[in-house]
Amino acid sequence: MGWCDDPESKYYNKEMLINKKIKHEKLIRKDNFYDYFIVINYNIKKVQPYKGSAIFIHLTKNYKPTTGCVALKKRFYNLNKTN
């Protein structure tokens, strides 16, 4: 699966089956960047090209600058553990 970030495409700002001819972000990746993502109500109805295709919330290990994303560290909690 992918997310179309090609403002010239009719799929812009939508989840899509990957098509190499259309610019997109891969959502299923070996680096687990997009294990979790949230689609927010931004530029969804009457999609306007070049207004923004998504604000990605993704996982990171290095906290380098992003391009309009929110990068978080994946942390697991043991909910069964008692203090």
N, C-alpha and C. Protein backbone atom coordinates (compact mmCIF):
# COMPACT_ATOMS: atom_id res chain seq x y z
N MET A 1 0.84 -1.18 0.00
CA MET A 1 0.00 0.00 0.00
C MET A 1 0.88 1.24 0.00
N GLY A 2 0.33 2.31 -0.51
CA GLY A 2 1.06 3.56 -0.56
C GLY A 2 0.14 4.74 -0.28
N TRP A 3 0.75 5.90 -0.09
CA TRP A 3 0.01 7.15 0.08
C TRP A 3 0.45 8.07 -1.04
N CYS A 4 -0.49 8.51 -1.85
CA CYS A 4 -0.18 9.32 -3.02
C CYS A 4 0.16 10.75 -2.60
N ASP A 5 1.38 11.19 -2.92
CA ASP A 5 1.77 12.57 -2.65
C ASP A 5 2.10 13.29 -3.96
N ASP A 6 1.48 12.84 -5.04
CA ASP A 6 1.65 13.43 -6.37
C ASP A 6 0.49 14.37 -6.65
N PRO A 7 0.71 15.69 -6.55
CA PRO A 7 -0.39 16.64 -6.73
C PRO A 7 -1.02 16.62 -8.12
N GLU A 8 -0.36 15.99 -9.08
CA GLU A 8 -0.91 15.90 -10.44
C GLU A 8 -1.79 14.67 -10.62
N SER A 9 -1.85 13.80 -9.61
CA SER A 9 -2.60 12.55 -9.72
C SER A 9 -4.00 12.69 -9.14
N LYS A 10 -4.94 11.93 -9.71
CA LYS A 10 -6.30 11.92 -9.16
C LYS A 10 -6.34 11.21 -7.80
N TYR A 11 -5.26 10.51 -7.44
CA TYR A 11 -5.19 9.81 -6.15
C TYR A 11 -4.53 10.65 -5.06
N TYR A 12 -4.16 11.87 -5.37
CA TYR A 12 -3.45 12.76 -4.42
C TYR A 12 -4.15 12.77 -3.06
N ASN A 13 -3.34 12.60 -2.03
CA ASN A 13 -3.80 12.61 -0.64
C ASN A 13 -4.74 11.46 -0.33
N LYS A 14 -4.47 10.30 -0.91
CA LYS A 14 -5.28 9.11 -0.66
C LYS A 14 -4.38 7.88 -0.54
N GLU A 15 -4.86 6.90 0.20
CA GLU A 15 -4.21 5.59 0.25
C GLU A 15 -4.46 4.93 -1.10
N MET A 16 -3.44 4.22 -1.59
CA MET A 16 -3.56 3.64 -2.93
C MET A 16 -2.74 2.36 -3.05
N LEU A 17 -3.09 1.54 -4.02
CA LEU A 17 -2.23 0.44 -4.38
C LEU A 17 -1.04 1.05 -5.12
N ILE A 18 0.15 0.58 -4.82
CA ILE A 18 1.35 1.19 -5.38
C ILE A 18 1.38 1.03 -6.90
N ASN A 19 1.63 2.15 -7.55
CA ASN A 19 1.78 2.21 -9.00
C ASN A 19 3.06 3.01 -9.22
N LYS A 20 4.07 2.40 -9.81
CA LYS A 20 5.37 3.06 -9.97
C LYS A 20 5.30 4.34 -10.79
N LYS A 21 4.24 4.53 -11.56
CA LYS A 21 4.10 5.73 -12.38
C LYS A 21 3.59 6.93 -11.56
N ILE A 22 3.09 6.66 -10.35
CA ILE A 22 2.52 7.72 -9.52
C ILE A 22 3.40 7.90 -8.28
N LYS A 23 3.80 9.14 -8.00
CA LYS A 23 4.63 9.44 -6.83
C LYS A 23 3.87 9.09 -5.56
N HIS A 24 4.56 8.38 -4.65
CA HIS A 24 3.89 7.91 -3.44
C HIS A 24 4.90 7.63 -2.33
N GLU A 25 4.40 7.45 -1.13
CA GLU A 25 5.17 6.95 0.00
C GLU A 25 4.72 5.51 0.23
N LYS A 26 5.67 4.60 0.39
CA LYS A 26 5.32 3.22 0.73
C LYS A 26 4.92 3.17 2.20
N LEU A 27 3.80 2.53 2.49
CA LEU A 27 3.34 2.45 3.88
C LEU A 27 3.83 1.19 4.59
N ILE A 28 4.14 0.16 3.83
CA ILE A 28 4.66 -1.07 4.43
C ILE A 28 6.14 -1.12 4.10
N ARG A 29 6.97 -0.92 5.15
CA ARG A 29 8.41 -0.80 4.94
C ARG A 29 9.16 -1.69 5.93
N LYS A 30 10.34 -2.12 5.53
CA LYS A 30 11.17 -2.96 6.40
C LYS A 30 11.69 -2.19 7.60
N ASP A 31 11.83 -0.86 7.49
CA ASP A 31 12.35 -0.07 8.61
C ASP A 31 11.24 0.28 9.61
N ASN A 32 10.02 -0.17 9.38
CA ASN A 32 8.88 0.01 10.27
C ASN A 32 8.50 1.47 10.51
N PHE A 33 8.91 2.37 9.63
CA PHE A 33 8.58 3.80 9.79
C PHE A 33 7.09 4.03 9.96
N TYR A 34 6.28 3.34 9.18
CA TYR A 34 4.84 3.59 9.18
C TYR A 34 4.05 2.44 9.78
N ASP A 35 4.60 1.82 10.85
CA ASP A 35 3.85 0.79 11.55
C ASP A 35 2.53 1.36 12.07
N TYR A 36 2.56 2.61 12.44
CA TYR A 36 1.37 3.30 12.93
C TYR A 36 1.22 4.60 12.14
N PHE A 37 0.04 4.88 11.70
CA PHE A 37 -0.20 6.18 11.08
C PHE A 37 -1.66 6.56 11.29
N ILE A 38 -1.90 7.84 11.27
CA ILE A 38 -3.23 8.38 11.52
C ILE A 38 -3.60 9.26 10.34
N VAL A 39 -4.75 9.03 9.77
CA VAL A 39 -5.25 9.91 8.72
C VAL A 39 -6.11 10.95 9.42
N ILE A 40 -5.75 12.23 9.24
CA ILE A 40 -6.52 13.30 9.87
C ILE A 40 -7.39 13.98 8.81
N ASN A 41 -8.36 14.72 9.24
CA ASN A 41 -9.29 15.38 8.33
C ASN A 41 -8.66 16.65 7.78
N TYR A 42 -7.65 16.48 6.92
CA TYR A 42 -6.96 17.61 6.31
C TYR A 42 -6.90 17.40 4.80
N ASN A 43 -7.41 18.34 4.05
CA ASN A 43 -7.40 18.29 2.59
C ASN A 43 -7.94 16.95 2.07
N ILE A 44 -9.05 16.51 2.67
CA ILE A 44 -9.66 15.23 2.32
C ILE A 44 -10.83 15.43 1.36
N LYS A 45 -11.76 16.29 1.73
CA LYS A 45 -12.92 16.57 0.86
C LYS A 45 -12.52 17.67 -0.11
N LYS A 46 -12.89 17.50 -1.36
CA LYS A 46 -12.50 18.47 -2.39
C LYS A 46 -11.00 18.72 -2.32
N VAL A 47 -10.23 17.66 -2.47
CA VAL A 47 -8.78 17.71 -2.37
C VAL A 47 -8.21 18.79 -3.29
N GLN A 48 -7.33 19.63 -2.71
CA GLN A 48 -6.71 20.70 -3.47
C GLN A 48 -5.23 20.37 -3.69
N PRO A 49 -4.82 20.20 -4.94
CA PRO A 49 -3.40 19.91 -5.22
C PRO A 49 -2.48 20.96 -4.63
N TYR A 50 -1.34 20.52 -4.16
CA TYR A 50 -0.28 21.35 -3.59
C TYR A 50 -0.65 21.97 -2.23
N LYS A 51 -1.77 21.58 -1.67
CA LYS A 51 -2.15 22.10 -0.35
C LYS A 51 -1.60 21.20 0.76
N GLY A 52 -1.05 20.07 0.40
CA GLY A 52 -0.51 19.13 1.39
C GLY A 52 -1.20 17.80 1.26
N SER A 53 -0.39 16.76 1.22
CA SER A 53 -0.97 15.43 1.01
C SER A 53 -1.10 14.65 2.30
N ALA A 54 -0.35 15.01 3.32
CA ALA A 54 -0.45 14.28 4.59
C ALA A 54 0.51 14.89 5.60
N ILE A 55 0.21 14.63 6.85
CA ILE A 55 1.16 14.90 7.92
C ILE A 55 1.45 13.52 8.50
N PHE A 56 2.62 12.98 8.20
CA PHE A 56 2.95 11.64 8.63
C PHE A 56 3.46 11.63 10.07
N ILE A 57 2.96 10.69 10.84
CA ILE A 57 3.49 10.40 12.17
C ILE A 57 4.21 9.08 11.98
N HIS A 58 5.54 9.09 12.12
CA HIS A 58 6.28 7.87 11.87
C HIS A 58 7.32 7.62 12.95
N LEU A 59 7.88 6.44 12.91
CA LEU A 59 8.87 6.02 13.90
C LEU A 59 10.27 6.38 13.45
N THR A 60 11.13 6.66 14.43
CA THR A 60 12.52 7.00 14.12
C THR A 60 13.43 6.52 15.24
N LYS A 61 14.70 6.46 14.94
CA LYS A 61 15.71 6.13 15.95
C LYS A 61 16.71 7.27 16.09
N ASN A 62 16.69 8.24 15.15
CA ASN A 62 17.75 9.24 15.16
C ASN A 62 17.27 10.68 15.31
N TYR A 63 16.00 10.95 15.23
CA TYR A 63 15.43 12.30 15.39
C TYR A 63 16.05 13.35 14.47
N LYS A 64 16.40 12.95 13.26
CA LYS A 64 16.85 13.93 12.27
C LYS A 64 15.63 14.75 11.83
N PRO A 65 15.87 15.95 11.28
CA PRO A 65 14.74 16.78 10.81
C PRO A 65 13.88 16.03 9.79
N THR A 66 12.60 16.31 9.80
CA THR A 66 11.66 15.68 8.87
C THR A 66 11.14 16.73 7.89
N THR A 67 10.41 16.27 6.91
CA THR A 67 9.81 17.17 5.93
C THR A 67 8.31 17.22 6.19
N GLY A 68 7.90 17.93 7.22
CA GLY A 68 6.49 18.06 7.53
C GLY A 68 5.91 16.88 8.28
N CYS A 69 6.75 16.07 8.88
CA CYS A 69 6.30 14.89 9.62
C CYS A 69 6.47 15.09 11.12
N VAL A 70 5.91 14.17 11.86
CA VAL A 70 6.15 14.08 13.30
C VAL A 70 6.84 12.74 13.52
N ALA A 71 8.06 12.75 14.05
CA ALA A 71 8.83 11.52 14.24
C ALA A 71 8.85 11.17 15.72
N LEU A 72 8.49 9.94 16.04
CA LEU A 72 8.42 9.47 17.42
C LEU A 72 9.26 8.22 17.60
N LYS A 73 9.70 7.98 18.80
CA LYS A 73 10.43 6.76 19.13
C LYS A 73 9.42 5.70 19.54
N LYS A 74 9.58 4.49 19.03
CA LYS A 74 8.70 3.39 19.38
C LYS A 74 9.12 2.85 20.75
N ARG A 75 8.20 2.79 21.65
CA ARG A 75 8.49 2.29 22.99
C ARG A 75 7.38 1.34 23.40
N PHE A 76 7.78 0.20 23.94
CA PHE A 76 6.81 -0.79 24.37
C PHE A 76 6.66 -0.75 25.88
N TYR A 77 5.46 -0.89 26.34
CA TYR A 77 5.17 -0.93 27.75
C TYR A 77 4.63 -2.30 28.11
N ASN A 78 5.09 -2.82 29.23
CA ASN A 78 4.58 -4.07 29.73
C ASN A 78 3.39 -3.74 30.63
N LEU A 79 2.19 -3.87 30.11
CA LEU A 79 1.00 -3.52 30.86
C LEU A 79 0.67 -4.53 31.95
N ASN A 80 1.28 -5.70 31.89
CA ASN A 80 1.03 -6.73 32.90
C ASN A 80 1.97 -6.61 34.10
N LYS A 81 2.96 -5.77 33.99
CA LYS A 81 3.96 -5.62 35.05
C LYS A 81 3.35 -4.84 36.23
N THR A 82 3.57 -5.31 37.42
CA THR A 82 3.08 -4.61 38.61
C THR A 82 4.25 -3.94 39.31
N ASN A 83 4.02 -2.77 39.89
CA ASN A 83 5.09 -2.02 40.57
C ASN A 83 5.16 -2.38 42.03
